[in-house]
Amino acid sequence: MTRVPGGDGEEIRLSAAELGGVLGERATLVQFSTAFCQPCRATRRVLAEVAGMVDGVAHVELDAEDRLELVRRLEVLRTPTVLVLDAGGRVVRRAAGMPRKADVIAALGRVL
């Protein structure tokens, strides 16, 4: 997972309302998926498992086709794309493609 600087020095923040869910108390794993994406299914399992292991971490999955405005704003170019948000909704890590469980845990370790 790569660190995400905001464009032009701005940080990128997402609210619970934008995500259509609740932010985790400590961190949130946001997954952009599409209906026919096989790696998205495996990513869903990995992120749900990690969120279940770590207190205060939520997993929110968004259908990229239904959230085109957000996809464009965040420059999501493929699915799955995973964002790691801190407790305040700031995007601190990002990965395109299916992340390994160890990488997700390591990314959360840097956030928590």
PDB file of N, CA and C in Angstrom:
ATOM      1  N   MET A   1       0.854  -1.173   0.000  1.00  0.00           N
ATOM      2  CA  MET A   1       0.000   0.000   0.000  1.00  0.00           C
ATOM      3  C   MET A   1       0.894   1.228   0.000  1.00  0.00           C
ATOM      4  N   THR A   2       0.496   2.216  -0.745  1.00  0.00           N
ATOM      5  CA  THR A   2       1.303   3.423  -0.830  1.00  0.00           C
ATOM      6  C   THR A   2       0.715   4.535   0.013  1.00  0.00           C
ATOM      7  N   ARG A   3       1.617   5.393   0.486  1.00  0.00           N
ATOM      8  CA  ARG A   3       1.199   6.559   1.252  1.00  0.00           C
ATOM      9  C   ARG A   3       0.530   7.535   0.300  1.00  0.00           C
ATOM     10  N   VAL A   4      -0.453   8.277   0.769  1.00  0.00           N
ATOM     11  CA  VAL A   4      -1.206   9.162  -0.108  1.00  0.00           C
ATOM     12  C   VAL A   4      -1.057  10.609   0.328  1.00  0.00           C
ATOM     13  N   PRO A   5      -0.257  11.380  -0.401  1.00  0.00           N
ATOM     14  CA  PRO A   5      -0.266  12.813  -0.127  1.00  0.00           C
ATOM     15  C   PRO A   5      -1.463  13.428  -0.824  1.00  0.00           C
ATOM     16  N   GLY A   6      -2.026  14.442  -0.257  1.00  0.00           N
ATOM     17  CA  GLY A   6      -3.127  15.143  -0.909  1.00  0.00           C
ATOM     18  C   GLY A   6      -2.604  15.917  -2.099  1.00  0.00           C
ATOM     19  N   GLY A   7      -3.446  16.123  -3.092  1.00  0.00           N
ATOM     20  CA  GLY A   7      -3.055  16.902  -4.248  1.00  0.00           C
ATOM     21  C   GLY A   7      -2.745  18.340  -3.854  1.00  0.00           C
ATOM     22  N   ASP A   8      -1.653  18.884  -4.347  1.00  0.00           N
ATOM     23  CA  ASP A   8      -1.250  20.253  -4.050  1.00  0.00           C
ATOM     24  C   ASP A   8      -1.153  20.509  -2.552  1.00  0.00           C
ATOM     25  N   GLY A   9      -0.697  19.504  -1.802  1.00  0.00           N
ATOM     26  CA  GLY A   9      -0.527  19.680  -0.370  1.00  0.00           C
ATOM     27  C   GLY A   9      -1.810  19.531   0.441  1.00  0.00           C
ATOM     28  N   GLU A  10      -2.944  19.345  -0.219  1.00  0.00           N
ATOM     29  CA  GLU A  10      -4.214  19.174   0.496  1.00  0.00           C
ATOM     30  C   GLU A  10      -4.358  17.729   0.942  1.00  0.00           C
ATOM     31  N   GLU A  11      -4.921  17.548   2.121  1.00  0.00           N
ATOM     32  CA  GLU A  11      -5.224  16.185   2.519  1.00  0.00           C
ATOM     33  C   GLU A  11      -6.592  15.823   1.976  1.00  0.00           C
ATOM     34  N   ILE A  12      -6.757  14.553   1.709  1.00  0.00           N
ATOM     35  CA  ILE A  12      -8.034  14.053   1.217  1.00  0.00           C
ATOM     36  C   ILE A  12      -8.766  13.439   2.398  1.00  0.00           C
ATOM     37  N   ARG A  13      -9.981  13.918   2.646  1.00  0.00           N
ATOM     38  CA  ARG A  13     -10.810  13.397   3.738  1.00  0.00           C
ATOM     39  C   ARG A  13     -12.148  12.939   3.188  1.00  0.00           C
ATOM     40  N   LEU A  14     -12.657  11.871   3.781  1.00  0.00           N
ATOM     41  CA  LEU A  14     -13.972  11.358   3.416  1.00  0.00           C
ATOM     42  C   LEU A  14     -14.828  11.290   4.665  1.00  0.00           C
ATOM     43  N   SER A  15     -16.082  11.657   4.525  1.00  0.00           N
ATOM     44  CA  SER A  15     -17.003  11.620   5.663  1.00  0.00           C
ATOM     45  C   SER A  15     -17.840  10.344   5.613  1.00  0.00           C
ATOM     46  N   ALA A  16     -18.455  10.033   6.733  1.00  0.00           N
ATOM     47  CA  ALA A  16     -19.358   8.884   6.791  1.00  0.00           C
ATOM     48  C   ALA A  16     -20.486   9.052   5.777  1.00  0.00           C
ATOM     49  N   ALA A  17     -20.972  10.271   5.613  1.00  0.00           N
ATOM     50  CA  ALA A  17     -22.055  10.529   4.657  1.00  0.00           C
ATOM     51  C   ALA A  17     -21.605  10.219   3.231  1.00  0.00           C
ATOM     52  N   GLU A  18     -20.387  10.602   2.875  1.00  0.00           N
ATOM     53  CA  GLU A  18     -19.874  10.318   1.533  1.00  0.00           C
ATOM     54  C   GLU A  18     -19.739   8.816   1.292  1.00  0.00           C
ATOM     55  N   LEU A  19     -19.406   8.089   2.352  1.00  0.00           N
ATOM     56  CA  LEU A  19     -19.197   6.648   2.232  1.00  0.00           C
ATOM     57  C   LEU A  19     -20.490   5.858   2.374  1.00  0.00           C
ATOM     58  N   GLY A  20     -21.537   6.509   2.872  1.00  0.00           N
ATOM     59  CA  GLY A  20     -22.788   5.807   3.077  1.00  0.00           C
ATOM     60  C   GLY A  20     -22.696   4.780   4.193  1.00  0.00           C
ATOM     61  N   GLY A  21     -21.796   5.010   5.111  1.00  0.00           N
ATOM     62  CA  GLY A  21     -21.609   4.094   6.232  1.00  0.00           C
ATOM     63  C   GLY A  21     -21.003   4.834   7.401  1.00  0.00           C
ATOM     64  N   VAL A  22     -20.537   4.083   8.341  1.00  0.00           N
ATOM     65  CA  VAL A  22     -19.955   4.656   9.545  1.00  0.00           C
ATOM     66  C   VAL A  22     -18.443   4.518   9.481  1.00  0.00           C
ATOM     67  N   LEU A  23     -17.737   5.579   9.867  1.00  0.00           N
ATOM     68  CA  LEU A  23     -16.284   5.494   9.966  1.00  0.00           C
ATOM     69  C   LEU A  23     -15.926   4.672  11.203  1.00  0.00           C
ATOM     70  N   GLY A  24     -14.843   3.915  11.113  1.00  0.00           N
ATOM     71  CA  GLY A  24     -14.366   3.172  12.266  1.00  0.00           C
ATOM     72  C   GLY A  24     -13.828   4.128  13.317  1.00  0.00           C
ATOM     73  N   GLU A  25     -13.890   3.719  14.564  1.00  0.00           N
ATOM     74  CA  GLU A  25     -13.384   4.564  15.653  1.00  0.00           C
ATOM     75  C   GLU A  25     -11.902   4.848  15.501  1.00  0.00           C
ATOM     76  N   ARG A  26     -11.155   3.866  14.972  1.00  0.00           N
ATOM     77  CA  ARG A  26      -9.701   4.029  14.841  1.00  0.00           C
ATOM     78  C   ARG A  26      -9.242   4.132  13.393  1.00  0.00           C
ATOM     79  N   ALA A  27      -9.933   3.454  12.482  1.00  0.00           N
ATOM     80  CA  ALA A  27      -9.559   3.465  11.065  1.00  0.00           C
ATOM     81  C   ALA A  27     -10.702   2.865  10.248  1.00  0.00           C
ATOM     82  N   THR A  28     -10.680   3.153   8.947  1.00  0.00           N
ATOM     83  CA  THR A  28     -11.686   2.604   8.033  1.00  0.00           C
ATOM     84  C   THR A  28     -10.991   2.091   6.782  1.00  0.00           C
ATOM     85  N   LEU A  29     -11.364   0.889   6.353  1.00  0.00           N
ATOM     86  CA  LEU A  29     -10.881   0.311   5.099  1.00  0.00           C
ATOM     87  C   LEU A  29     -11.984   0.513   4.070  1.00  0.00           C
ATOM     88  N   VAL A  30     -11.713   1.301   3.052  1.00  0.00           N
ATOM     89  CA  VAL A  30     -12.704   1.599   2.008  1.00  0.00           C
ATOM     90  C   VAL A  30     -12.304   0.837   0.758  1.00  0.00           C
ATOM     91  N   GLN A  31     -13.239   0.065   0.227  1.00  0.00           N
ATOM     92  CA  GLN A  31     -12.991  -0.741  -0.962  1.00  0.00           C
ATOM     93  C   GLN A  31     -13.912  -0.308  -2.087  1.00  0.00           C
ATOM     94  N   PHE A  32     -13.333   0.034  -3.231  1.00  0.00           N
ATOM     95  CA  PHE A  32     -14.102   0.305  -4.445  1.00  0.00           C
ATOM     96  C   PHE A  32     -14.112  -0.970  -5.272  1.00  0.00           C
ATOM     97  N   SER A  33     -15.308  -1.455  -5.609  1.00  0.00           N
ATOM     98  CA  SER A  33     -15.479  -2.708  -6.337  1.00  0.00           C
ATOM     99  C   SER A  33     -16.432  -2.519  -7.502  1.00  0.00           C
ATOM    100  N   THR A  34     -16.489  -3.539  -8.353  1.00  0.00           N
ATOM    101  CA  THR A  34     -17.509  -3.610  -9.393  1.00  0.00           C
ATOM    102  C   THR A  34     -18.112  -5.012  -9.356  1.00  0.00           C
ATOM    103  N   ALA A  35     -19.280  -5.153  -9.927  1.00  0.00           N
ATOM    104  CA  ALA A  35     -20.061  -6.389  -9.815  1.00  0.00           C
ATOM    105  C   ALA A  35     -19.337  -7.629 -10.338  1.00  0.00           C
ATOM    106  N   PHE A  36     -18.621  -7.517 -11.431  1.00  0.00           N
ATOM    107  CA  PHE A  36     -18.031  -8.705 -12.056  1.00  0.00           C
ATOM    108  C   PHE A  36     -16.542  -8.844 -11.807  1.00  0.00           C
ATOM    109  N   CYS A  37     -16.051  -8.175 -10.814  1.00  0.00           N
ATOM    110  CA  CYS A  37     -14.621  -8.172 -10.486  1.00  0.00           C
ATOM    111  C   CYS A  37     -14.300  -9.336  -9.543  1.00  0.00           C
ATOM    112  N   GLN A  38     -13.591 -10.344 -10.045  1.00  0.00           N
ATOM    113  CA  GLN A  38     -13.217 -11.488  -9.213  1.00  0.00           C
ATOM    114  C   GLN A  38     -12.276 -11.101  -8.070  1.00  0.00           C
ATOM    115  N   PRO A  39     -11.228 -10.303  -8.317  1.00  0.00           N
ATOM    116  CA  PRO A  39     -10.340  -9.921  -7.217  1.00  0.00           C
ATOM    117  C   PRO A  39     -11.065  -9.107  -6.135  1.00  0.00           C
ATOM    118  N   CYS A  40     -12.163  -8.452  -6.505  1.00  0.00           N
ATOM    119  CA  CYS A  40     -12.927  -7.679  -5.517  1.00  0.00           C
ATOM    120  C   CYS A  40     -13.529  -8.585  -4.456  1.00  0.00           C
ATOM    121  N   ARG A  41     -13.949  -9.765  -4.856  1.00  0.00           N
ATOM    122  CA  ARG A  41     -14.537 -10.708  -3.901  1.00  0.00           C
ATOM    123  C   ARG A  41     -13.494 -11.172  -2.889  1.00  0.00           C
ATOM    124  N   ALA A  42     -12.312 -11.489  -3.389  1.00  0.00           N
ATOM    125  CA  ALA A  42     -11.236 -11.916  -2.491  1.00  0.00           C
ATOM    126  C   ALA A  42     -10.801 -10.763  -1.590  1.00  0.00           C
ATOM    127  N   THR A  43     -10.767  -9.566  -2.138  1.00  0.00           N
ATOM    128  CA  THR A  43     -10.397  -8.393  -1.348  1.00  0.00           C
ATOM    129  C   THR A  43     -11.417  -8.155  -0.245  1.00  0.00           C
ATOM    130  N   ARG A  44     -12.696  -8.325  -0.564  1.00  0.00           N
ATOM    131  CA  ARG A  44     -13.764  -8.177   0.434  1.00  0.00           C
ATOM    132  C   ARG A  44     -13.516  -9.105   1.621  1.00  0.00           C
ATOM    133  N   ARG A  45     -13.161 -10.351   1.321  1.00  0.00           N
ATOM    134  CA  ARG A  45     -12.904 -11.324   2.399  1.00  0.00           C
ATOM    135  C   ARG A  45     -11.708 -10.906   3.248  1.00  0.00           C
ATOM    136  N   VAL A  46     -10.625 -10.481   2.597  1.00  0.00           N
ATOM    137  CA  VAL A  46      -9.419 -10.070   3.324  1.00  0.00           C
ATOM    138  C   VAL A  46      -9.713  -8.877   4.222  1.00  0.00           C
ATOM    139  N   LEU A  47     -10.355  -7.852   3.671  1.00  0.00           N
ATOM    140  CA  LEU A  47     -10.617  -6.640   4.448  1.00  0.00           C
ATOM    141  C   LEU A  47     -11.602  -6.898   5.585  1.00  0.00           C
ATOM    142  N   ALA A  48     -12.622  -7.714   5.335  1.00  0.00           N
ATOM    143  CA  ALA A  48     -13.585  -8.043   6.395  1.00  0.00           C
ATOM    144  C   ALA A  48     -12.893  -8.813   7.516  1.00  0.00           C
ATOM    145  N   GLU A  49     -12.000  -9.715   7.147  1.00  0.00           N
ATOM    146  CA  GLU A  49     -11.274 -10.487   8.153  1.00  0.00           C
ATOM    147  C   GLU A  49     -10.376  -9.579   8.993  1.00  0.00           C
ATOM    148  N   VAL A  50      -9.642  -8.681   8.345  1.00  0.00           N
ATOM    149  CA  VAL A  50      -8.767  -7.765   9.075  1.00  0.00           C
ATOM    150  C   VAL A  50      -9.590  -6.839   9.963  1.00  0.00           C
ATOM    151  N   ALA A  51     -10.677  -6.299   9.432  1.00  0.00           N
ATOM    152  CA  ALA A  51     -11.535  -5.416  10.238  1.00  0.00           C
ATOM    153  C   ALA A  51     -12.092  -6.157  11.446  1.00  0.00           C
ATOM    154  N   GLY A  52     -12.380  -7.438  11.295  1.00  0.00           N
ATOM    155  CA  GLY A  52     -12.879  -8.235  12.401  1.00  0.00           C
ATOM    156  C   GLY A  52     -11.826  -8.535  13.453  1.00  0.00           C
ATOM    157  N   MET A  53     -10.557  -8.491  13.049  1.00  0.00           N
ATOM    158  CA  MET A  53      -9.455  -8.788  13.965  1.00  0.00           C
ATOM    159  C   MET A  53      -9.016  -7.580  14.788  1.00  0.00           C
ATOM    160  N   VAL A  54      -9.220  -6.388  14.247  1.00  0.00           N
ATOM    161  CA  VAL A  54      -8.677  -5.178  14.866  1.00  0.00           C
ATOM    162  C   VAL A  54      -9.831  -4.311  15.382  1.00  0.00           C
ATOM    163  N   ASP A  55      -9.869  -4.111  16.689  1.00  0.00           N
ATOM    164  CA  ASP A  55     -10.926  -3.294  17.293  1.00  0.00           C
ATOM    165  C   ASP A  55     -10.914  -1.873  16.740  1.00  0.00           C
ATOM    166  N   GLY A  56     -12.114  -1.353  16.473  1.00  0.00           N
ATOM    167  CA  GLY A  56     -12.247   0.031  16.033  1.00  0.00           C
ATOM    168  C   GLY A  56     -12.004   0.257  14.553  1.00  0.00           C
ATOM    169  N   VAL A  57     -11.867  -0.830  13.782  1.00  0.00           N
ATOM    170  CA  VAL A  57     -11.643  -0.714  12.338  1.00  0.00           C
ATOM    171  C   VAL A  57     -12.902  -1.170  11.609  1.00  0.00           C
ATOM    172  N   ALA A  58     -13.378  -0.347  10.684  1.00  0.00           N
ATOM    173  CA  ALA A  58     -14.563  -0.664   9.882  1.00  0.00           C
ATOM    174  C   ALA A  58     -14.148  -0.950   8.443  1.00  0.00           C
ATOM    175  N   HIS A  59     -14.957  -1.740   7.755  1.00  0.00           N
ATOM    176  CA  HIS A  59     -14.759  -2.012   6.330  1.00  0.00           C
ATOM    177  C   HIS A  59     -15.999  -1.532   5.593  1.00  0.00           C
ATOM    178  N   VAL A  60     -15.805  -0.655   4.613  1.00  0.00           N
ATOM    179  CA  VAL A  60     -16.899  -0.130   3.807  1.00  0.00           C
ATOM    180  C   VAL A  60     -16.597  -0.455   2.354  1.00  0.00           C
ATOM    181  N   GLU A  61     -17.527  -1.150   1.696  1.00  0.00           N
ATOM    182  CA  GLU A  61     -17.361  -1.469   0.281  1.00  0.00           C
ATOM    183  C   GLU A  61     -18.315  -0.615  -0.540  1.00  0.00           C
ATOM    184  N   LEU A  62     -17.779   0.006  -1.587  1.00  0.00           N
ATOM    185  CA  LEU A  62     -18.570   0.875  -2.463  1.00  0.00           C
ATOM    186  C   LEU A  62     -18.548   0.325  -3.876  1.00  0.00           C
ATOM    187  N   ASP A  63     -19.695   0.359  -4.536  1.00  0.00           N
ATOM    188  CA  ASP A  63     -19.777  -0.018  -5.943  1.00  0.00           C
ATOM    189  C   ASP A  63     -19.307   1.175  -6.768  1.00  0.00           C
ATOM    190  N   ALA A  64     -18.205   0.992  -7.461  1.00  0.00           N
ATOM    191  CA  ALA A  64     -17.614   2.088  -8.230  1.00  0.00           C
ATOM    192  C   ALA A  64     -18.579   2.642  -9.270  1.00  0.00           C
ATOM    193  N   GLU A  65     -19.397   1.789  -9.863  1.00  0.00           N
ATOM    194  CA  GLU A  65     -20.332   2.237 -10.889  1.00  0.00           C
ATOM    195  C   GLU A  65     -21.432   3.120 -10.320  1.00  0.00           C
ATOM    196  N   ASP A  66     -21.778   2.893  -9.061  1.00  0.00           N
ATOM    197  CA  ASP A  66     -22.811   3.701  -8.406  1.00  0.00           C
ATOM    198  C   ASP A  66     -22.260   4.981  -7.794  1.00  0.00           C
ATOM    199  N   ARG A  67     -20.958   5.090  -7.680  1.00  0.00           N
ATOM    200  CA  ARG A  67     -20.331   6.229  -6.993  1.00  0.00           C
ATOM    201  C   ARG A  67     -19.332   6.937  -7.906  1.00  0.00           C
ATOM    202  N   LEU A  68     -19.748   7.194  -9.156  1.00  0.00           N
ATOM    203  CA  LEU A  68     -18.830   7.750 -10.158  1.00  0.00           C
ATOM    204  C   LEU A  68     -18.232   9.100  -9.760  1.00  0.00           C
ATOM    205  N   GLU A  69     -19.005   9.938  -9.090  1.00  0.00           N
ATOM    206  CA  GLU A  69     -18.466  11.238  -8.674  1.00  0.00           C
ATOM    207  C   GLU A  69     -17.290  11.045  -7.714  1.00  0.00           C
ATOM    208  N   LEU A  70     -17.454  10.156  -6.754  1.00  0.00           N
ATOM    209  CA  LEU A  70     -16.396   9.884  -5.788  1.00  0.00           C
ATOM    210  C   LEU A  70     -15.212   9.182  -6.463  1.00  0.00           C
ATOM    211  N   VAL A  71     -15.486   8.280  -7.377  1.00  0.00           N
ATOM    212  CA  VAL A  71     -14.443   7.583  -8.135  1.00  0.00           C
ATOM    213  C   VAL A  71     -13.585   8.597  -8.895  1.00  0.00           C
ATOM    214  N   ARG A  72     -14.240   9.550  -9.533  1.00  0.00           N
ATOM    215  CA  ARG A  72     -13.490  10.575 -10.287  1.00  0.00           C
ATOM    216  C   ARG A  72     -12.690  11.468  -9.350  1.00  0.00           C
ATOM    217  N   ARG A  73     -13.305  11.892  -8.262  1.00  0.00           N
ATOM    218  CA  ARG A  73     -12.634  12.770  -7.303  1.00  0.00           C
ATOM    219  C   ARG A  73     -11.374  12.118  -6.724  1.00  0.00           C
ATOM    220  N   LEU A  74     -11.468  10.803  -6.463  1.00  0.00           N
ATOM    221  CA  LEU A  74     -10.349  10.084  -5.856  1.00  0.00           C
ATOM    222  C   LEU A  74      -9.425   9.437  -6.889  1.00  0.00           C
ATOM    223  N   GLU A  75      -9.765   9.606  -8.162  1.00  0.00           N
ATOM    224  CA  GLU A  75      -8.974   9.065  -9.265  1.00  0.00           C
ATOM    225  C   GLU A  75      -8.791   7.552  -9.147  1.00  0.00           C
ATOM    226  N   VAL A  76      -9.895   6.869  -8.888  1.00  0.00           N
ATOM    227  CA  VAL A  76      -9.892   5.404  -8.855  1.00  0.00           C
ATOM    228  C   VAL A  76      -9.907   4.931 -10.299  1.00  0.00           C
ATOM    229  N   LEU A  77      -8.854   4.214 -10.708  1.00  0.00           N
ATOM    230  CA  LEU A  77      -8.709   3.805 -12.091  1.00  0.00           C
ATOM    231  C   LEU A  77      -8.996   2.328 -12.326  1.00  0.00           C
ATOM    232  N   ARG A  78      -9.008   1.532 -11.245  1.00  0.00           N
ATOM    233  CA  ARG A  78      -9.289   0.103 -11.391  1.00  0.00           C
ATOM    234  C   ARG A  78      -9.898  -0.424 -10.109  1.00  0.00           C
ATOM    235  N   THR A  79     -10.510  -1.594 -10.222  1.00  0.00           N
ATOM    236  CA  THR A  79     -11.051  -2.248  -9.040  1.00  0.00           C
ATOM    237  C   THR A  79     -10.355  -3.594  -8.877  1.00  0.00           C
ATOM    238  N   PRO A  80     -10.147  -3.990  -7.645  1.00  0.00           N
ATOM    239  CA  PRO A  80     -10.441  -3.229  -6.442  1.00  0.00           C
ATOM    240  C   PRO A  80      -9.397  -2.148  -6.185  1.00  0.00           C
ATOM    241  N   THR A  81      -9.843  -1.065  -5.597  1.00  0.00           N
ATOM    242  CA  THR A  81      -8.958  -0.047  -5.038  1.00  0.00           C
ATOM    243  C   THR A  81      -9.324   0.068  -3.572  1.00  0.00           C
ATOM    244  N   VAL A  82      -8.311   0.057  -2.718  1.00  0.00           N
ATOM    245  CA  VAL A  82      -8.520   0.107  -1.274  1.00  0.00           C
ATOM    246  C   VAL A  82      -7.879   1.370  -0.718  1.00  0.00           C
ATOM    247  N   LEU A  83      -8.648   2.081   0.105  1.00  0.00           N
ATOM    248  CA  LEU A  83      -8.142   3.250   0.811  1.00  0.00           C
ATOM    249  C   LEU A  83      -8.156   2.947   2.299  1.00  0.00           C
ATOM    250  N   VAL A  84      -7.132   3.391   2.999  1.00  0.00           N
ATOM    251  CA  VAL A  84      -7.099   3.282   4.453  1.00  0.00           C
ATOM    252  C   VAL A  84      -7.268   4.696   4.996  1.00  0.00           C
ATOM    253  N   LEU A  85      -8.312   4.880   5.802  1.00  0.00           N
ATOM    254  CA  LEU A  85      -8.601   6.181   6.402  1.00  0.00           C
ATOM    255  C   LEU A  85      -8.245   6.139   7.878  1.00  0.00           C
ATOM    256  N   ASP A  86      -7.747   7.253   8.396  1.00  0.00           N
ATOM    257  CA  ASP A  86      -7.532   7.338   9.839  1.00  0.00           C
ATOM    258  C   ASP A  86      -8.872   7.617  10.522  1.00  0.00           C
ATOM    259  N   ALA A  87      -8.853   7.798  11.824  1.00  0.00           N
ATOM    260  CA  ALA A  87     -10.094   7.990  12.581  1.00  0.00           C
ATOM    261  C   ALA A  87     -10.872   9.222  12.136  1.00  0.00           C
ATOM    262  N   GLY A  88     -10.181  10.227  11.596  1.00  0.00           N
ATOM    263  CA  GLY A  88     -10.835  11.445  11.137  1.00  0.00           C
ATOM    264  C   GLY A  88     -11.274  11.407   9.686  1.00  0.00           C
ATOM    265  N   GLY A  89     -11.099  10.263   9.012  1.00  0.00           N
ATOM    266  CA  GLY A  89     -11.520  10.140   7.617  1.00  0.00           C
ATOM    267  C   GLY A  89     -10.474  10.572   6.607  1.00  0.00           C
ATOM    268  N   ARG A  90      -9.245  10.839   7.061  1.00  0.00           N
ATOM    269  CA  ARG A  90      -8.168  11.257   6.150  1.00  0.00           C
ATOM    270  C   ARG A  90      -7.587  10.031   5.457  1.00  0.00           C
ATOM    271  N   VAL A  91      -7.460  10.100   4.135  1.00  0.00           N
ATOM    272  CA  VAL A  91      -6.879   9.001   3.365  1.00  0.00           C
ATOM    273  C   VAL A  91      -5.368   9.001   3.608  1.00  0.00           C
ATOM    274  N   VAL A  92      -4.861   7.904   4.175  1.00  0.00           N
ATOM    275  CA  VAL A  92      -3.434   7.829   4.498  1.00  0.00           C
ATOM    276  C   VAL A  92      -2.700   6.750   3.719  1.00  0.00           C
ATOM    277  N   ARG A  93      -3.409   5.777   3.186  1.00  0.00           N
ATOM    278  CA  ARG A  93      -2.812   4.720   2.373  1.00  0.00           C
ATOM    279  C   ARG A  93      -3.776   4.354   1.261  1.00  0.00           C
ATOM    280  N   ARG A  94      -3.195   3.818   0.173  1.00  0.00           N
ATOM    281  CA  ARG A  94      -4.001   3.468  -0.999  1.00  0.00           C
ATOM    282  C   ARG A  94      -3.342   2.305  -1.723  1.00  0.00           C
ATOM    283  N   ALA A  95      -4.157   1.393  -2.243  1.00  0.00           N
ATOM    284  CA  ALA A  95      -3.648   0.283  -3.045  1.00  0.00           C
ATOM    285  C   ALA A  95      -4.632  -0.016  -4.163  1.00  0.00           C
ATOM    286  N   ALA A  96      -4.102  -0.259  -5.358  1.00  0.00           N
ATOM    287  CA  ALA A  96      -4.918  -0.697  -6.488  1.00  0.00           C
ATOM    288  C   ALA A  96      -4.616  -2.174  -6.705  1.00  0.00           C
ATOM    289  N   GLY A  97      -5.648  -2.949  -6.936  1.00  0.00           N
ATOM    290  CA  GLY A  97      -5.473  -4.384  -7.050  1.00  0.00           C
ATOM    291  C   GLY A  97      -5.722  -5.039  -5.703  1.00  0.00           C
ATOM    292  N   MET A  98      -5.641  -6.356  -5.687  1.00  0.00           N
ATOM    293  CA  MET A  98      -5.939  -7.089  -4.462  1.00  0.00           C
ATOM    294  C   MET A  98      -4.750  -7.025  -3.506  1.00  0.00           C
ATOM    295  N   PRO A  99      -4.954  -6.425  -2.327  1.00  0.00           N
ATOM    296  CA  PRO A  99      -3.848  -6.347  -1.369  1.00  0.00           C
ATOM    297  C   PRO A  99      -3.692  -7.660  -0.605  1.00  0.00           C
ATOM    298  N   ARG A 100      -2.477  -7.911  -0.160  1.00  0.00           N
ATOM    299  CA  ARG A 100      -2.235  -9.066   0.703  1.00  0.00           C
ATOM    300  C   ARG A 100      -2.661  -8.701   2.122  1.00  0.00           C
ATOM    301  N   LYS A 101      -3.119  -9.690   2.855  1.00  0.00           N
ATOM    302  CA  LYS A 101      -3.561  -9.469   4.235  1.00  0.00           C
ATOM    303  C   LYS A 101      -2.455  -8.816   5.059  1.00  0.00           C
ATOM    304  N   ALA A 102      -1.224  -9.280   4.910  1.00  0.00           N
ATOM    305  CA  ALA A 102      -0.097  -8.726   5.671  1.00  0.00           C
ATOM    306  C   ALA A 102       0.100  -7.246   5.359  1.00  0.00           C
ATOM    307  N   ASP A 103      -0.107  -6.852   4.093  1.00  0.00           N
ATOM    308  CA  ASP A 103       0.055  -5.441   3.715  1.00  0.00           C
ATOM    309  C   ASP A 103      -1.031  -4.570   4.340  1.00  0.00           C
ATOM    310  N   VAL A 104      -2.254  -5.108   4.417  1.00  0.00           N
ATOM    311  CA  VAL A 104      -3.347  -4.359   5.035  1.00  0.00           C
ATOM    312  C   VAL A 104      -3.072  -4.171   6.521  1.00  0.00           C
ATOM    313  N   ILE A 105      -2.634  -5.223   7.176  1.00  0.00           N
ATOM    314  CA  ILE A 105      -2.316  -5.144   8.598  1.00  0.00           C
ATOM    315  C   ILE A 105      -1.178  -4.151   8.842  1.00  0.00           C
ATOM    316  N   ALA A 106      -0.163  -4.191   7.998  1.00  0.00           N
ATOM    317  CA  ALA A 106       0.964  -3.251   8.135  1.00  0.00           C
ATOM    318  C   ALA A 106       0.512  -1.816   7.923  1.00  0.00           C
ATOM    319  N   ALA A 107      -0.361  -1.589   6.939  1.00  0.00           N
ATOM    320  CA  ALA A 107      -0.865  -0.239   6.685  1.00  0.00           C
ATOM    321  C   ALA A 107      -1.671   0.267   7.876  1.00  0.00           C
ATOM    322  N   LEU A 108      -2.473  -0.605   8.459  1.00  0.00           N
ATOM    323  CA  LEU A 108      -3.245  -0.210   9.643  1.00  0.00           C
ATOM    324  C   LEU A 108      -2.310   0.088  10.814  1.00  0.00           C
ATOM    325  N   GLY A 109      -1.248  -0.683  10.939  1.00  0.00           N
ATOM    326  CA  GLY A 109      -0.282  -0.450  12.002  1.00  0.00           C
ATOM    327  C   GLY A 109       0.325   0.938  11.952  1.00  0.00           C
ATOM    328  N   ARG A 110       0.485   1.459  10.755  1.00  0.00           N
ATOM    329  CA  ARG A 110       1.032   2.821  10.603  1.00  0.00           C
ATOM    330  C   ARG A 110       0.005   3.881  10.943  1.00  0.00           C
ATOM    331  N   VAL A 111      -1.267   3.542  10.780  1.00  0.00           N
ATOM    332  CA  VAL A 111      -2.360   4.485  11.040  1.00  0.00           C
ATOM    333  C   VAL A 111      -2.717   4.525  12.528  1.00  0.00           C
ATOM    334  N   LEU A 112      -2.723   3.342  13.142  1.00  0.00           N
ATOM    335  CA  LEU A 112      -3.150   3.228  14.528  1.00  0.00           C
ATOM    336  C   LEU A 112      -2.020   3.641  15.421  1.00  0.00           C
TER     337      LEU A 112
END
